[in-house]
Protein backbone atom coordinates (compact mmCIF):
# COMPACT_ATOMS: atom_id res chain seq x y z
CA MET A 1 -0.21 -0.02 -0.15
CA THR A 2 1.27 3.54 -1.05
CA GLU A 3 1.79 5.84 2.41
CA ARG A 4 -0.54 8.68 2.66
CA ALA A 5 0.92 12.22 2.67
CA THR A 6 -0.42 15.05 4.52
CA VAL A 7 -1.01 18.18 2.27
CA ASP A 8 -1.92 21.76 4.37
CA MET A 9 -3.95 23.94 2.61
CA TRP A 10 -4.26 27.54 4.27
CA PHE A 11 -8.01 29.15 3.93
CA ASP A 12 -9.95 32.58 4.40
CA PRO A 13 -13.40 31.49 4.65
CA LEU A 14 -13.99 35.11 2.44
CA CYS A 15 -12.38 33.86 -0.89
CA PRO A 16 -14.41 32.29 -3.44
CA TRP A 17 -11.24 30.97 -5.45
CA ALA A 18 -10.08 29.13 -1.93
CA TRP A 19 -13.67 27.69 -1.12
CA ILE A 20 -13.52 26.13 -4.84
CA THR A 21 -10.06 25.08 -4.73
CA SER A 22 -10.88 23.77 -1.00
CA ARG A 23 -13.99 21.15 -2.20
CA TRP A 24 -11.00 20.09 -5.51
CA LEU A 25 -8.84 18.89 -2.87
CA LEU A 26 -11.33 17.09 -0.95
CA GLU A 27 -12.22 14.94 -4.47
CA VAL A 28 -8.36 14.23 -4.80
CA GLU A 29 -8.28 12.61 -1.22
CA LYS A 30 -11.02 10.04 -2.74
CA VAL A 31 -8.43 9.12 -5.86
CA ARG A 32 -4.94 9.59 -4.42
CA PRO A 33 -3.24 8.90 -1.11
CA LEU A 34 -3.26 12.17 0.82
CA ASP A 35 -5.19 13.63 3.44
CA VAL A 36 -5.94 17.42 3.20
CA ARG A 37 -5.42 19.09 6.75
CA PHE A 38 -7.01 22.90 6.66
CA ASN A 39 -5.34 26.18 8.24
CA VAL A 40 -6.31 29.74 8.35
CA MET A 41 -4.68 32.66 6.64
CA SER A 42 -6.10 36.26 6.49
CA LEU A 43 -7.16 38.16 3.45
CA SER A 44 -6.96 41.14 6.02
CA VAL A 45 -4.03 40.37 7.66
CA LEU A 46 -2.39 39.99 3.73
CA ASN A 47 -3.56 43.82 3.06
CA GLU A 48 -3.11 45.64 6.18
CA GLY A 49 -1.43 49.08 5.08
CA ARG A 50 -2.21 48.81 1.51
CA ASP A 51 -3.51 51.91 0.84
CA GLU A 52 -3.64 51.71 -2.79
CA LEU A 53 -6.74 48.90 -2.90
CA PRO A 54 -10.43 49.79 -4.24
CA GLU A 55 -12.63 51.39 -1.62
CA ARG A 56 -15.03 48.34 -1.87
CA TYR A 57 -12.29 45.78 -0.96
CA LYS A 58 -11.12 47.91 1.85
CA GLU A 59 -14.49 47.55 3.47
CA LEU A 60 -14.69 43.40 2.98
CA LEU A 61 -11.55 43.39 4.57
CA ALA A 62 -12.79 45.40 7.59
CA LYS A 63 -15.29 42.69 8.09
CA GLY A 64 -13.20 39.91 7.10
CA TRP A 65 -11.91 39.77 10.73
CA GLY A 66 -14.43 37.78 11.79
CA PRO A 67 -14.55 34.79 10.07
CA VAL A 68 -10.86 34.31 10.78
CA ARG A 69 -11.21 34.75 14.29
CA VAL A 70 -13.99 32.61 14.36
CA CYS A 71 -11.80 29.90 13.23
CA ILE A 72 -9.41 30.67 15.22
CA ALA A 73 -11.41 30.15 18.56
CA ALA A 74 -12.45 26.77 17.33
CA ALA A 75 -9.29 25.50 16.57
CA GLU A 76 -8.23 26.33 20.06
CA ALA A 77 -11.42 24.94 21.68
CA ALA A 78 -11.54 22.00 19.96
CA GLY A 79 -8.02 20.82 17.85
CA PRO A 80 -7.09 21.67 14.48
CA ALA A 81 -8.72 19.11 12.80
CA VAL A 82 -12.19 21.12 13.83
CA LEU A 83 -10.97 23.38 11.14
CA ARG A 84 -12.24 20.57 8.24
CA ASP A 85 -15.74 20.56 9.26
CA LEU A 86 -16.23 24.10 10.13
CA TYR A 87 -14.43 25.54 6.86
CA THR A 88 -17.43 23.48 4.68
CA ALA A 89 -20.21 24.65 7.39
CA LEU A 90 -19.03 28.61 6.86
CA GLY A 91 -18.31 28.35 3.02
CA THR A 92 -21.33 26.68 2.34
CA ARG A 93 -23.56 29.46 4.01
CA ILE A 94 -21.08 32.12 2.86
CA HIS A 95 -20.63 31.28 -0.72
CA LEU A 96 -23.72 28.71 -1.70
CA GLN A 97 -26.64 30.49 0.45
CA LYS A 98 -25.22 33.83 0.66
CA TYR A 99 -25.46 34.60 4.20
CA ASP A 100 -23.84 38.04 5.19
CA ILE A 101 -20.52 37.75 6.66
CA GLU A 102 -21.67 40.27 9.59
CA ASP A 103 -25.18 37.97 10.18
CA PRO A 104 -24.24 36.34 13.79
CA LYS A 105 -26.35 33.26 12.86
CA LEU A 106 -23.56 32.58 10.14
CA PHE A 107 -21.01 31.85 12.82
CA GLN A 108 -23.16 30.77 15.59
CA GLU A 109 -25.20 27.76 12.99
CA ALA A 110 -21.76 26.68 11.43
CA LEU A 111 -20.18 26.17 14.97
CA ALA A 112 -23.40 24.47 16.34
CA GLU A 113 -23.00 22.11 13.25
CA VAL A 114 -19.57 21.22 14.14
CA GLY A 115 -20.68 20.71 17.71
CA LEU A 116 -19.11 23.64 19.54
CA ASP A 117 -20.41 26.25 21.19
CA PRO A 118 -22.32 28.77 19.32
CA GLY A 119 -20.96 31.06 22.34
CA LEU A 120 -17.79 31.09 20.28
CA ALA A 121 -19.19 33.34 17.49
CA GLU A 122 -18.44 36.47 19.91
CA ALA A 123 -14.82 35.73 19.23
CA ALA A 124 -15.28 37.68 15.86
CA HIS A 125 -15.43 40.91 17.63
CA THR A 126 -12.46 40.43 19.70
CA ASP A 127 -8.86 40.78 18.81
CA ALA A 128 -7.71 38.73 21.50
CA ARG A 129 -6.70 35.82 19.20
CA ASP A 130 -4.95 37.92 16.48
CA GLU A 131 -1.96 36.65 17.75
CA ALA A 132 -2.73 33.50 16.89
CA LEU A 133 -4.53 34.04 14.02
CA ARG A 134 -1.24 35.94 12.68
CA ALA A 135 0.89 32.94 13.60
CA SER A 136 -0.93 30.82 11.19
CA HIS A 137 -1.24 32.96 8.79
CA ASN A 138 2.71 33.26 8.59
CA ALA A 139 3.06 29.77 8.46
CA GLY A 140 1.62 29.23 5.53
CA MET A 141 2.50 32.56 3.53
CA LYS A 142 6.03 32.66 4.52
CA PRO A 143 7.50 29.97 1.79
CA VAL A 144 5.39 31.18 -0.75
CA GLY A 145 6.04 35.55 -0.13
CA THR A 146 2.73 37.88 0.28
CA ASP A 147 2.37 38.47 -3.67
CA VAL A 148 -0.34 36.01 -3.44
CA GLY A 149 -3.65 35.54 -1.32
CA THR A 150 -5.43 32.19 -1.00
CA PRO A 151 -5.13 29.38 -1.06
CA VAL A 152 -1.92 28.05 -0.47
CA ILE A 153 -1.36 24.94 -0.33
CA HIS A 154 2.02 23.48 1.20
CA ALA A 155 2.68 19.46 -0.28
CA PRO A 156 5.57 16.62 0.01
CA GLY A 157 8.15 17.69 -2.63
CA PRO A 158 9.83 15.28 -5.07
CA ASN A 159 12.38 14.67 -2.51
CA PRO A 160 12.06 12.39 0.96
CA GLY A 161 11.31 15.35 3.73
CA GLU A 162 10.78 17.98 1.36
CA THR A 163 7.98 20.84 1.15
CA VAL A 164 6.88 22.54 -1.84
CA ALA A 165 4.51 25.52 -0.95
CA PHE A 166 2.86 27.25 -3.86
CA PHE A 167 -0.32 29.52 -4.39
CA GLY A 168 -2.93 28.41 -6.57
CA PRO A 169 -4.44 26.18 -8.19
CA VAL A 170 -7.28 28.74 -8.99
CA ILE A 171 -10.01 26.83 -10.98
CA THR A 172 -13.45 26.52 -11.94
CA PRO A 173 -15.50 24.82 -11.40
CA ALA A 174 -13.63 21.89 -9.04
CA PRO A 175 -12.55 19.16 -11.17
CA LYS A 176 -14.03 15.86 -9.76
CA GLY A 177 -13.12 12.02 -9.57
CA GLU A 178 -10.29 11.12 -11.70
CA ALA A 179 -10.26 14.74 -13.32
CA ALA A 180 -9.23 16.10 -9.83
CA GLY A 181 -6.30 13.33 -9.72
CA LYS A 182 -5.21 14.13 -12.54
CA LEU A 183 -4.83 17.99 -11.83
CA TRP A 184 -3.26 17.16 -8.83
CA ASP A 185 -0.57 15.37 -10.04
CA GLY A 186 0.27 17.77 -12.58
CA VAL A 187 0.09 21.05 -10.13
CA VAL A 188 2.57 18.85 -8.05
CA LEU A 189 4.86 18.13 -10.85
CA VAL A 190 5.37 21.86 -11.94
CA ALA A 191 5.22 22.86 -8.06
CA GLY A 192 7.96 20.86 -7.59
CA THR A 193 10.25 21.83 -10.33
CA PRO A 194 13.49 24.19 -9.40
CA GLY A 195 13.20 27.53 -10.48
CA PHE A 196 9.50 27.27 -11.52
CA TYR A 197 7.06 30.27 -10.64
CA GLU A 198 4.23 30.83 -12.45
CA LEU A 199 1.92 29.33 -14.82
CA LYS A 200 -0.82 32.20 -15.81
CA ARG A 201 -3.89 33.14 -18.19
CA SER A 202 -6.54 35.77 -17.88
CA ARG A 203 -9.73 34.43 -15.93
CA ASP A 204 -12.77 34.78 -18.27
CA LEU A 205 -14.96 32.97 -15.37
CA GLY A 206 -16.18 33.61 -12.48
CA PRO A 207 -16.80 31.23 -9.60
CA ILE A 208 -18.92 28.26 -10.47
CA PHE A 209 -19.65 26.55 -7.14
CA ASP A 210 -21.78 23.07 -8.35
């Protein structure tokens, strides 16, 4: 039997592209010997002090502290493994059911769904855990730099004990079945190539969540 590898993904619940990538990774788990572990990064942290951003995006980032703070509070309360199901509960409400991210029911319902105290929703309104949030964010972003956002993935490299970190892939919709596995094979191949930095084309589709 092939030993299963651990793949880490860093997400911000706000990002629709990270959501699609996460659904793809869960498909990859079914067809490749890997297990996905979810971690928190923050677009609000990443963009602190960037005054050149559009005003509308700044407003979104100001609201974006709430979801990541709740995720950190949940991980502290129940262990990091809870982020897998909590991200699904939050992402389903944010991206599919179109909850407002300032609606208290968003956090309360998602927390209750994964068996946690809905009172942890109050973490959205305090900076008490921001040090832990920044530590999680930095652990994900340091290997890839600050010119990217989310999703960020850390995966086993081509050599034993080696890890490759990269931004993306940005895809829509999420491939299913063996198509998901083939995309994974290709992504890991290019990411593990020394000196490979970028492969990109202009997006002509918005996020497709089906």
